[in-house]
């Protein structure tokens, strides 16, 4: 008779999550922001680079992001009908225009 091999537990390896850097364009409710991600793609026929953008609904757990901030976001499980991203960190805070210290 042959000896049975030990049963090995199979572990599922999760795919690497996408991460992007975008600009906060608005706050659209409690713990939700809209982030615009700008990118360039070549035109299919002519090859010239075309500017494109995607607006993403992002979960902001601490409500600390303001319009104009640059944020790093990562893909996550669905949190609501539209939210599939969450904030990792604020890369660059928004510059306040028109305020002077006198």
PDB file of N, CA and C in Angstrom:
ATOM      1  N   UNK A   1       0.825  -1.173   0.000  1.00  0.00           N
ATOM      2  CA  UNK A   1       0.000   0.000   0.000  1.00  0.00           C
ATOM      3  C   UNK A   1       0.876   1.245   0.000  1.00  0.00           C
ATOM      4  N   UNK A   2       0.355   2.302  -0.614  1.00  0.00           N
ATOM      5  CA  UNK A   2       1.113   3.553  -0.674  1.00  0.00           C
ATOM      6  C   UNK A   2       0.712   4.441   0.492  1.00  0.00           C
ATOM      7  N   UNK A   3       1.658   5.180   0.925  1.00  0.00           N
ATOM      8  CA  UNK A   3       1.408   6.100   2.041  1.00  0.00           C
ATOM      9  C   UNK A   3       0.803   7.385   1.496  1.00  0.00           C
ATOM     10  N   UNK A   4      -0.261   7.854   2.129  1.00  0.00           N
ATOM     11  CA  UNK A   4      -0.928   9.071   1.666  1.00  0.00           C
ATOM     12  C   UNK A   4      -0.060  10.291   1.963  1.00  0.00           C
ATOM     13  N   UNK A   5      -0.047  11.211   1.034  1.00  0.00           N
ATOM     14  CA  UNK A   5       0.696  12.457   1.224  1.00  0.00           C
ATOM     15  C   UNK A   5      -0.073  13.347   2.189  1.00  0.00           C
ATOM     16  N   UNK A   6       0.634  14.116   2.994  1.00  0.00           N
ATOM     17  CA  UNK A   6      -0.070  15.017   3.920  1.00  0.00           C
ATOM     18  C   UNK A   6      -0.870  16.065   3.152  1.00  0.00           C
ATOM     19  N   UNK A   7      -1.991  16.431   3.699  1.00  0.00           N
ATOM     20  CA  UNK A   7      -2.855  17.427   3.067  1.00  0.00           C
ATOM     21  C   UNK A   7      -2.257  18.805   3.307  1.00  0.00           C
ATOM     22  N   UNK A   8      -2.045  19.528   2.226  1.00  0.00           N
ATOM     23  CA  UNK A   8      -1.478  20.866   2.338  1.00  0.00           C
ATOM     24  C   UNK A   8      -2.593  21.888   2.185  1.00  0.00           C
ATOM     25  N   UNK A   9      -2.558  22.881   3.054  1.00  0.00           N
ATOM     26  CA  UNK A   9      -3.542  23.954   2.970  1.00  0.00           C
ATOM     27  C   UNK A   9      -3.182  24.844   1.799  1.00  0.00           C
ATOM     28  N   UNK A  10      -4.154  25.148   0.983  1.00  0.00           N
ATOM     29  CA  UNK A  10      -3.901  26.043  -0.142  1.00  0.00           C
ATOM     30  C   UNK A  10      -4.215  27.466   0.290  1.00  0.00           C
ATOM     31  N   UNK A  11      -3.298  28.347   0.009  1.00  0.00           N
ATOM     32  CA  UNK A  11      -3.507  29.753   0.348  1.00  0.00           C
ATOM     33  C   UNK A  11      -3.740  30.521  -0.938  1.00  0.00           C
ATOM     34  N   UNK A  12      -4.753  31.347  -0.924  1.00  0.00           N
ATOM     35  CA  UNK A  12      -5.045  32.177  -2.084  1.00  0.00           C
ATOM     36  C   UNK A  12      -4.157  33.411  -2.028  1.00  0.00           C
ATOM     37  N   UNK A  13      -3.546  33.717  -3.123  1.00  0.00           N
ATOM     38  CA  UNK A  13      -2.698  34.896  -3.208  1.00  0.00           C
ATOM     39  C   UNK A  13      -3.517  36.011  -3.835  1.00  0.00           C
ATOM     40  N   UNK A  14      -3.659  37.101  -3.097  1.00  0.00           N
ATOM     41  CA  UNK A  14      -4.439  38.234  -3.592  1.00  0.00           C
ATOM     42  C   UNK A  14      -3.596  39.031  -4.578  1.00  0.00           C
ATOM     43  N   UNK A  15      -4.219  39.477  -5.640  1.00  0.00           N
ATOM     44  CA  UNK A  15      -3.520  40.279  -6.643  1.00  0.00           C
ATOM     45  C   UNK A  15      -3.125  41.624  -6.049  1.00  0.00           C
ATOM     46  N   UNK A  16      -2.053  42.188  -6.568  1.00  0.00           N
ATOM     47  CA  UNK A  16      -1.601  43.496  -6.091  1.00  0.00           C
ATOM     48  C   UNK A  16      -2.662  44.543  -6.406  1.00  0.00           C
ATOM     49  N   UNK A  17      -2.983  45.346  -5.426  1.00  0.00           N
ATOM     50  CA  UNK A  17      -4.008  46.370  -5.607  1.00  0.00           C
ATOM     51  C   UNK A  17      -3.437  47.551  -6.366  1.00  0.00           C
ATOM     52  N   UNK A  18      -4.268  48.164  -7.195  1.00  0.00           N
ATOM     53  CA  UNK A  18      -3.847  49.336  -7.947  1.00  0.00           C
ATOM     54  C   UNK A  18      -3.726  50.516  -6.997  1.00  0.00           C
ATOM     55  N   UNK A  19      -2.746  51.367  -7.241  1.00  0.00           N
ATOM     56  CA  UNK A  19      -2.635  52.603  -6.470  1.00  0.00           C
ATOM     57  C   UNK A  19      -2.345  53.750  -7.433  1.00  0.00           C
ATOM     58  N   UNK A  20      -2.968  54.894  -7.150  1.00  0.00           N
ATOM     59  CA  UNK A  20      -2.878  56.059  -8.021  1.00  0.00           C
ATOM     60  C   UNK A  20      -2.636  57.308  -7.193  1.00  0.00           C
ATOM     61  N   UNK A  21      -2.197  58.367  -7.853  1.00  0.00           N
ATOM     62  CA  UNK A  21      -2.098  59.681  -7.224  1.00  0.00           C
ATOM     63  C   UNK A  21      -2.970  60.627  -8.030  1.00  0.00           C
ATOM     64  N   UNK A  22      -3.894  61.287  -7.347  1.00  0.00           N
ATOM     65  CA  UNK A  22      -4.816  62.193  -8.024  1.00  0.00           C
ATOM     66  C   UNK A  22      -5.073  63.425  -7.190  1.00  0.00           C
ATOM     67  N   UNK A  23      -5.898  64.315  -7.722  1.00  0.00           N
ATOM     68  CA  UNK A  23      -6.210  65.576  -7.060  1.00  0.00           C
ATOM     69  C   UNK A  23      -7.657  65.564  -6.574  1.00  0.00           C
ATOM     70  N   UNK A  24      -7.848  65.990  -5.330  1.00  0.00           N
ATOM     71  CA  UNK A  24      -9.195  66.067  -4.764  1.00  0.00           C
ATOM     72  C   UNK A  24      -9.911  67.235  -5.427  1.00  0.00           C
ATOM     73  N   UNK A  25     -11.074  66.953  -6.038  1.00  0.00           N
ATOM     74  CA  UNK A  25     -11.829  68.011  -6.699  1.00  0.00           C
ATOM     75  C   UNK A  25     -13.023  68.469  -5.883  1.00  0.00           C
ATOM     76  N   UNK A  26     -13.587  67.589  -5.062  1.00  0.00           N
ATOM     77  CA  UNK A  26     -14.701  68.021  -4.215  1.00  0.00           C
ATOM     78  C   UNK A  26     -14.917  67.037  -3.079  1.00  0.00           C
ATOM     79  N   UNK A  27     -15.617  67.536  -2.064  1.00  0.00           N
ATOM     80  CA  UNK A  27     -16.067  66.676  -0.967  1.00  0.00           C
ATOM     81  C   UNK A  27     -17.544  66.441  -1.204  1.00  0.00           C
ATOM     82  N   UNK A  28     -17.925  65.187  -1.326  1.00  0.00           N
ATOM     83  CA  UNK A  28     -19.309  64.909  -1.701  1.00  0.00           C
ATOM     84  C   UNK A  28     -20.018  64.099  -0.623  1.00  0.00           C
ATOM     85  N   UNK A  29     -19.967  64.600   0.596  1.00  0.00           N
ATOM     86  CA  UNK A  29     -20.653  63.905   1.679  1.00  0.00           C
ATOM     87  C   UNK A  29     -19.691  63.536   2.791  1.00  0.00           C
ATOM     88  N   UNK A  30     -20.211  62.906   3.817  1.00  0.00           N
ATOM     89  CA  UNK A  30     -19.397  62.510   4.955  1.00  0.00           C
ATOM     90  C   UNK A  30     -18.485  61.355   4.560  1.00  0.00           C
ATOM     91  N   UNK A  31     -17.190  61.530   4.755  1.00  0.00           N
ATOM     92  CA  UNK A  31     -16.159  60.518   4.488  1.00  0.00           C
ATOM     93  C   UNK A  31     -16.058  60.124   3.018  1.00  0.00           C
ATOM     94  N   UNK A  32     -16.488  61.002   2.127  1.00  0.00           N
ATOM     95  CA  UNK A  32     -16.397  60.727   0.696  1.00  0.00           C
ATOM     96  C   UNK A  32     -15.827  61.940  -0.017  1.00  0.00           C
ATOM     97  N   UNK A  33     -14.878  61.686  -0.921  1.00  0.00           N
ATOM     98  CA  UNK A  33     -14.318  62.745  -1.744  1.00  0.00           C
ATOM     99  C   UNK A  33     -14.313  62.274  -3.195  1.00  0.00           C
ATOM    100  N   UNK A  34     -14.217  63.234  -4.103  1.00  0.00           N
ATOM    101  CA  UNK A  34     -14.043  62.913  -5.510  1.00  0.00           C
ATOM    102  C   UNK A  34     -12.609  63.255  -5.879  1.00  0.00           C
ATOM    103  N   UNK A  35     -11.922  62.295  -6.486  1.00  0.00           N
ATOM    104  CA  UNK A  35     -10.539  62.476  -6.892  1.00  0.00           C
ATOM    105  C   UNK A  35     -10.479  62.370  -8.408  1.00  0.00           C
ATOM    106  N   UNK A  36      -9.830  63.354  -9.035  1.00  0.00           N
ATOM    107  CA  UNK A  36      -9.647  63.329 -10.484  1.00  0.00           C
ATOM    108  C   UNK A  36      -8.243  62.824 -10.770  1.00  0.00           C
ATOM    109  N   UNK A  37      -8.177  61.787 -11.601  1.00  0.00           N
ATOM    110  CA  UNK A  37      -6.909  61.182 -12.001  1.00  0.00           C
ATOM    111  C   UNK A  37      -6.656  61.549 -13.457  1.00  0.00           C
ATOM    112  N   UNK A  38      -5.584  62.318 -13.699  1.00  0.00           N
ATOM    113  CA  UNK A  38      -5.232  62.739 -15.051  1.00  0.00           C
ATOM    114  C   UNK A  38      -4.163  61.810 -15.618  1.00  0.00           C
ATOM    115  N   UNK A  39      -4.304  61.467 -16.906  1.00  0.00           N
ATOM    116  CA  UNK A  39      -3.316  60.625 -17.565  1.00  0.00           C
ATOM    117  C   UNK A  39      -3.305  60.933 -19.058  1.00  0.00           C
ATOM    118  N   UNK A  40      -2.287  60.446 -19.761  1.00  0.00           N
ATOM    119  CA  UNK A  40      -2.170  60.668 -21.193  1.00  0.00           C
ATOM    120  C   UNK A  40      -2.090  59.323 -21.908  1.00  0.00           C
ATOM    121  N   UNK A  41      -2.746  59.245 -23.070  1.00  0.00           N
ATOM    122  CA  UNK A  41      -2.672  58.044 -23.902  1.00  0.00           C
ATOM    123  C   UNK A  41      -2.369  58.471 -25.329  1.00  0.00           C
ATOM    124  N   UNK A  42      -1.723  57.618 -26.111  1.00  0.00           N
ATOM    125  CA  UNK A  42      -1.495  57.984 -27.506  1.00  0.00           C
ATOM    126  C   UNK A  42      -2.771  57.807 -28.331  1.00  0.00           C
ATOM    127  N   UNK A  43      -2.974  58.710 -29.282  1.00  0.00           N
ATOM    128  CA  UNK A  43      -4.113  58.600 -30.189  1.00  0.00           C
ATOM    129  C   UNK A  43      -3.946  57.319 -31.012  1.00  0.00           C
ATOM    130  N   UNK A  44      -5.024  56.536 -31.203  1.00  0.00           N
ATOM    131  CA  UNK A  44      -4.881  55.256 -31.890  1.00  0.00           C
ATOM    132  C   UNK A  44      -4.352  55.361 -33.328  1.00  0.00           C
ATOM    133  N   UNK A  45      -4.683  56.425 -34.029  1.00  0.00           N
ATOM    134  CA  UNK A  45      -4.247  56.563 -35.424  1.00  0.00           C
ATOM    135  C   UNK A  45      -2.999  57.430 -35.565  1.00  0.00           C
ATOM    136  N   UNK A  46      -3.017  58.594 -34.914  1.00  0.00           N
ATOM    137  CA  UNK A  46      -1.980  59.588 -35.163  1.00  0.00           C
ATOM    138  C   UNK A  46      -0.826  59.534 -34.173  1.00  0.00           C
ATOM    139  N   UNK A  47      -1.010  58.928 -33.019  1.00  0.00           N
ATOM    140  CA  UNK A  47       0.088  58.778 -32.067  1.00  0.00           C
ATOM    141  C   UNK A  47       0.309  59.961 -31.141  1.00  0.00           C
ATOM    142  N   UNK A  48      -0.365  61.080 -31.390  1.00  0.00           N
ATOM    143  CA  UNK A  48      -0.208  62.231 -30.506  1.00  0.00           C
ATOM    144  C   UNK A  48      -0.808  61.906 -29.141  1.00  0.00           C
ATOM    145  N   UNK A  49      -0.158  62.365 -28.064  1.00  0.00           N
ATOM    146  CA  UNK A  49      -0.679  62.100 -26.724  1.00  0.00           C
ATOM    147  C   UNK A  49      -1.910  62.953 -26.450  1.00  0.00           C
ATOM    148  N   UNK A  50      -2.939  62.316 -25.926  1.00  0.00           N
ATOM    149  CA  UNK A  50      -4.201  62.967 -25.604  1.00  0.00           C
ATOM    150  C   UNK A  50      -4.372  62.969 -24.095  1.00  0.00           C
ATOM    151  N   UNK A  51      -4.797  64.110 -23.537  1.00  0.00           N
ATOM    152  CA  UNK A  51      -5.060  64.189 -22.100  1.00  0.00           C
ATOM    153  C   UNK A  51      -6.416  63.565 -21.794  1.00  0.00           C
ATOM    154  N   UNK A  52      -6.452  62.762 -20.773  1.00  0.00           N
ATOM    155  CA  UNK A  52      -7.695  62.140 -20.317  1.00  0.00           C
ATOM    156  C   UNK A  52      -7.800  62.304 -18.809  1.00  0.00           C
ATOM    157  N   UNK A  53      -9.008  62.087 -18.285  1.00  0.00           N
ATOM    158  CA  UNK A  53      -9.196  62.142 -16.835  1.00  0.00           C
ATOM    159  C   UNK A  53     -10.264  61.143 -16.433  1.00  0.00           C
ATOM    160  N   UNK A  54     -10.175  60.700 -15.195  1.00  0.00           N
ATOM    161  CA  UNK A  54     -11.162  59.811 -14.620  1.00  0.00           C
ATOM    162  C   UNK A  54     -11.511  60.354 -13.243  1.00  0.00           C
ATOM    163  N   UNK A  55     -12.799  60.433 -12.932  1.00  0.00           N
ATOM    164  CA  UNK A  55     -13.241  60.886 -11.619  1.00  0.00           C
ATOM    165  C   UNK A  55     -13.600  59.653 -10.798  1.00  0.00           C
ATOM    166  N   UNK A  56     -12.974  59.532  -9.628  1.00  0.00           N
ATOM    167  CA  UNK A  56     -13.177  58.380  -8.753  1.00  0.00           C
ATOM    168  C   UNK A  56     -13.793  58.833  -7.440  1.00  0.00           C
ATOM    169  N   UNK A  57     -14.718  58.050  -6.916  1.00  0.00           N
ATOM    170  CA  UNK A  57     -15.287  58.308  -5.596  1.00  0.00           C
ATOM    171  C   UNK A  57     -14.436  57.546  -4.595  1.00  0.00           C
ATOM    172  N   UNK A  58     -13.925  58.260  -3.598  1.00  0.00           N
ATOM    173  CA  UNK A  58     -12.913  57.711  -2.694  1.00  0.00           C
ATOM    174  C   UNK A  58     -13.375  57.849  -1.246  1.00  0.00           C
ATOM    175  N   UNK A  59     -13.084  56.821  -0.432  1.00  0.00           N
ATOM    176  CA  UNK A  59     -13.416  56.826   0.992  1.00  0.00           C
ATOM    177  C   UNK A  59     -12.311  57.534   1.760  1.00  0.00           C
ATOM    178  N   UNK A  60     -12.677  58.566   2.524  1.00  0.00           N
ATOM    179  CA  UNK A  60     -11.746  59.333   3.356  1.00  0.00           C
ATOM    180  C   UNK A  60     -12.173  59.139   4.811  1.00  0.00           C
ATOM    181  N   UNK A  61     -11.611  58.160   5.472  1.00  0.00           N
ATOM    182  CA  UNK A  61     -12.044  57.753   6.816  1.00  0.00           C
ATOM    183  C   UNK A  61     -11.963  58.889   7.834  1.00  0.00           C
ATOM    184  N   UNK A  62     -10.913  59.715   7.766  1.00  0.00           N
ATOM    185  CA  UNK A  62     -10.699  60.755   8.786  1.00  0.00           C
ATOM    186  C   UNK A  62     -11.241  62.123   8.387  1.00  0.00           C
ATOM    187  N   UNK A  63     -11.857  62.235   7.222  1.00  0.00           N
ATOM    188  CA  UNK A  63     -12.374  63.525   6.732  1.00  0.00           C
ATOM    189  C   UNK A  63     -11.314  64.608   6.748  1.00  0.00           C
ATOM    190  N   UNK A  64     -10.088  64.291   6.333  1.00  0.00           N
ATOM    191  CA  UNK A  64      -9.001  65.263   6.406  1.00  0.00           C
ATOM    192  C   UNK A  64      -8.604  65.847   5.050  1.00  0.00           C
ATOM    193  N   UNK A  65      -9.141  65.345   3.968  1.00  0.00           N
ATOM    194  CA  UNK A  65      -8.784  65.841   2.637  1.00  0.00           C
ATOM    195  C   UNK A  65      -9.637  67.047   2.270  1.00  0.00           C
ATOM    196  N   UNK A  66      -8.985  68.005   1.605  1.00  0.00           N
ATOM    197  CA  UNK A  66      -9.658  69.209   1.147  1.00  0.00           C
ATOM    198  C   UNK A  66      -9.490  69.326  -0.358  1.00  0.00           C
ATOM    199  N   UNK A  67     -10.389  70.039  -1.036  1.00  0.00           N
ATOM    200  CA  UNK A  67     -10.217  70.240  -2.478  1.00  0.00           C
ATOM    201  C   UNK A  67      -8.867  70.887  -2.781  1.00  0.00           C
ATOM    202  N   UNK A  68      -8.182  70.341  -3.769  1.00  0.00           N
ATOM    203  CA  UNK A  68      -6.859  70.840  -4.144  1.00  0.00           C
ATOM    204  C   UNK A  68      -5.719  69.973  -3.636  1.00  0.00           C
ATOM    205  N   UNK A  69      -5.983  69.106  -2.654  1.00  0.00           N
ATOM    206  CA  UNK A  69      -4.941  68.213  -2.135  1.00  0.00           C
ATOM    207  C   UNK A  69      -4.586  67.157  -3.171  1.00  0.00           C
ATOM    208  N   UNK A  70      -3.309  66.759  -3.184  1.00  0.00           N
ATOM    209  CA  UNK A  70      -2.904  65.594  -3.968  1.00  0.00           C
ATOM    210  C   UNK A  70      -2.880  64.419  -3.012  1.00  0.00           C
ATOM    211  N   UNK A  71      -3.570  63.342  -3.377  1.00  0.00           N
ATOM    212  CA  UNK A  71      -3.677  62.186  -2.489  1.00  0.00           C
ATOM    213  C   UNK A  71      -3.276  60.903  -3.203  1.00  0.00           C
ATOM    214  N   UNK A  72      -2.756  59.965  -2.426  1.00  0.00           N
ATOM    215  CA  UNK A  72      -2.484  58.625  -2.928  1.00  0.00           C
ATOM    216  C   UNK A  72      -3.658  57.757  -2.524  1.00  0.00           C
ATOM    217  N   UNK A  73      -4.228  57.036  -3.502  1.00  0.00           N
ATOM    218  CA  UNK A  73      -5.384  56.194  -3.230  1.00  0.00           C
ATOM    219  C   UNK A  73      -5.078  54.768  -3.658  1.00  0.00           C
ATOM    220  N   UNK A  74      -5.802  53.821  -3.055  1.00  0.00           N
ATOM    221  CA  UNK A  74      -5.600  52.409  -3.366  1.00  0.00           C
ATOM    222  C   UNK A  74      -6.952  51.753  -3.577  1.00  0.00           C
ATOM    223  N   UNK A  75      -6.976  50.777  -4.464  1.00  0.00           N
ATOM    224  CA  UNK A  75      -8.199  50.038  -4.762  1.00  0.00           C
ATOM    225  C   UNK A  75      -8.586  49.190  -3.551  1.00  0.00           C
ATOM    226  N   UNK A  76      -9.879  49.053  -3.298  1.00  0.00           N
ATOM    227  CA  UNK A  76     -10.346  48.281  -2.157  1.00  0.00           C
ATOM    228  C   UNK A  76     -11.677  47.609  -2.510  1.00  0.00           C
ATOM    229  N   UNK A  77     -12.228  46.896  -1.567  1.00  0.00           N
ATOM    230  CA  UNK A  77     -13.513  46.234  -1.793  1.00  0.00           C
ATOM    231  C   UNK A  77     -14.601  47.295  -1.960  1.00  0.00           C
ATOM    232  N   UNK A  78     -15.729  46.959  -2.560  1.00  0.00           N
ATOM    233  CA  UNK A  78     -16.804  47.942  -2.710  1.00  0.00           C
ATOM    234  C   UNK A  78     -17.320  48.415  -1.351  1.00  0.00           C
ATOM    235  N   UNK A  79     -17.291  49.725  -1.138  1.00  0.00           N
ATOM    236  CA  UNK A  79     -17.756  50.307   0.121  1.00  0.00           C
ATOM    237  C   UNK A  79     -19.164  50.887  -0.013  1.00  0.00           C
ATOM    238  N   UNK A  80     -19.572  51.202  -1.227  1.00  0.00           N
ATOM    239  CA  UNK A  80     -20.926  51.671  -1.503  1.00  0.00           C
ATOM    240  C   UNK A  80     -21.172  51.473  -2.991  1.00  0.00           C
ATOM    241  N   UNK A  81     -22.223  52.072  -3.498  1.00  0.00           N
ATOM    242  CA  UNK A  81     -22.566  51.895  -4.909  1.00  0.00           C
ATOM    243  C   UNK A  81     -21.425  52.342  -5.830  1.00  0.00           C
ATOM    244  N   UNK A  82     -20.755  53.433  -5.495  1.00  0.00           N
ATOM    245  CA  UNK A  82     -19.714  53.982  -6.359  1.00  0.00           C
ATOM    246  C   UNK A  82     -18.304  53.921  -5.772  1.00  0.00           C
ATOM    247  N   UNK A  83     -18.163  53.806  -4.460  1.00  0.00           N
ATOM    248  CA  UNK A  83     -16.831  53.875  -3.831  1.00  0.00           C
ATOM    249  C   UNK A  83     -16.111  52.534  -3.900  1.00  0.00           C
ATOM    250  N   UNK A  84     -14.969  52.536  -4.603  1.00  0.00           N
ATOM    251  CA  UNK A  84     -14.113  51.353  -4.689  1.00  0.00           C
ATOM    252  C   UNK A  84     -12.659  51.694  -4.384  1.00  0.00           C
ATOM    253  N   UNK A  85     -12.400  52.885  -3.872  1.00  0.00           N
ATOM    254  CA  UNK A  85     -11.055  53.357  -3.574  1.00  0.00           C
ATOM    255  C   UNK A  85     -11.036  53.955  -2.180  1.00  0.00           C
ATOM    256  N   UNK A  86      -9.854  53.991  -1.546  1.00  0.00           N
ATOM    257  CA  UNK A  86      -9.701  54.651  -0.249  1.00  0.00           C
ATOM    258  C   UNK A  86      -8.394  55.421  -0.209  1.00  0.00           C
ATOM    259  N   UNK A  87      -8.338  56.434   0.639  1.00  0.00           N
ATOM    260  CA  UNK A  87      -7.164  57.294   0.759  1.00  0.00           C
ATOM    261  C   UNK A  87      -6.091  56.578   1.573  1.00  0.00           C
ATOM    262  N   UNK A  88      -4.862  56.594   1.057  1.00  0.00           N
ATOM    263  CA  UNK A  88      -3.725  56.052   1.797  1.00  0.00           C
ATOM    264  C   UNK A  88      -3.032  57.179   2.556  1.00  0.00           C
ATOM    265  N   UNK A  89      -2.730  58.272   1.842  1.00  0.00           N
ATOM    266  CA  UNK A  89      -2.064  59.416   2.479  1.00  0.00           C
ATOM    267  C   UNK A  89      -2.246  60.645   1.612  1.00  0.00           C
ATOM    268  N   UNK A  90      -2.030  61.803   2.222  1.00  0.00           N
ATOM    269  CA  UNK A  90      -2.043  63.061   1.493  1.00  0.00           C
ATOM    270  C   UNK A  90      -0.614  63.324   1.050  1.00  0.00           C
ATOM    271  N   UNK A  91      -0.389  63.368  -0.251  1.00  0.00           N
ATOM    272  CA  UNK A  91       0.953  63.577  -0.793  1.00  0.00           C
ATOM    273  C   UNK A  91       1.351  65.035  -0.665  1.00  0.00           C
ATOM    274  N   UNK A  92       0.424  65.926  -1.021  1.00  0.00           N
ATOM    275  CA  UNK A  92       0.710  67.364  -0.991  1.00  0.00           C
ATOM    276  C   UNK A  92      -0.562  68.104  -0.621  1.00  0.00           C
ATOM    277  N   UNK A  93      -0.482  68.941   0.397  1.00  0.00           N
ATOM    278  CA  UNK A  93      -1.654  69.710   0.826  1.00  0.00           C
ATOM    279  C   UNK A  93      -1.925  70.839  -0.166  1.00  0.00           C
ATOM    280  N   UNK A  94      -3.165  71.278  -0.219  1.00  0.00           N
ATOM    281  CA  UNK A  94      -3.567  72.346  -1.131  1.00  0.00           C
ATOM    282  C   UNK A  94      -2.920  73.652  -0.706  1.00  0.00           C
ATOM    283  N   UNK A  95      -2.541  74.413  -1.699  1.00  0.00           N
ATOM    284  CA  UNK A  95      -1.976  75.738  -1.424  1.00  0.00           C
ATOM    285  C   UNK A  95      -3.119  76.718  -1.288  1.00  0.00           C
ATOM    286  N   UNK A  96      -3.121  77.508  -0.232  1.00  0.00           N
ATOM    287  CA  UNK A  96      -4.169  78.495  -0.007  1.00  0.00           C
ATOM    288  C   UNK A  96      -3.781  79.762  -0.764  1.00  0.00           C
ATOM    289  N   UNK A  97      -4.626  80.168  -1.697  1.00  0.00           N
ATOM    290  CA  UNK A  97      -4.360  81.320  -2.545  1.00  0.00           C
ATOM    291  C   UNK A  97      -5.057  82.540  -1.984  1.00  0.00           C
ATOM    292  N   UNK A  98      -4.367  83.689  -1.973  1.00  0.00           N
ATOM    293  CA  UNK A  98      -4.981  84.944  -1.562  1.00  0.00           C
ATOM    294  C   UNK A  98      -4.881  85.229  -0.075  1.00  0.00           C
ATOM    295  N   UNK A  99      -4.237  84.372   0.700  1.00  0.00           N
ATOM    296  CA  UNK A  99      -4.098  84.620   2.127  1.00  0.00           C
ATOM    297  C   UNK A  99      -2.700  85.135   2.410  1.00  0.00           C
ATOM    298  N   UNK A 100      -2.611  86.278   3.082  1.00  0.00           N
ATOM    299  CA  UNK A 100      -1.305  86.852   3.417  1.00  0.00           C
ATOM    300  C   UNK A 100      -1.185  87.013   4.915  1.00  0.00           C
ATOM    301  N   UNK A 101       0.010  86.884   5.409  1.00  0.00           N
ATOM    302  CA  UNK A 101       0.262  87.063   6.840  1.00  0.00           C
ATOM    303  C   UNK A 101       0.810  88.454   7.066  1.00  0.00           C
ATOM    304  N   UNK A 102      -0.040  89.367   7.578  1.00  0.00           N
ATOM    305  CA  UNK A 102       0.396  90.736   7.822  1.00  0.00           C
ATOM    306  C   UNK A 102       0.221  91.117   9.254  1.00  0.00           C
TER     307      UNK A 102
END
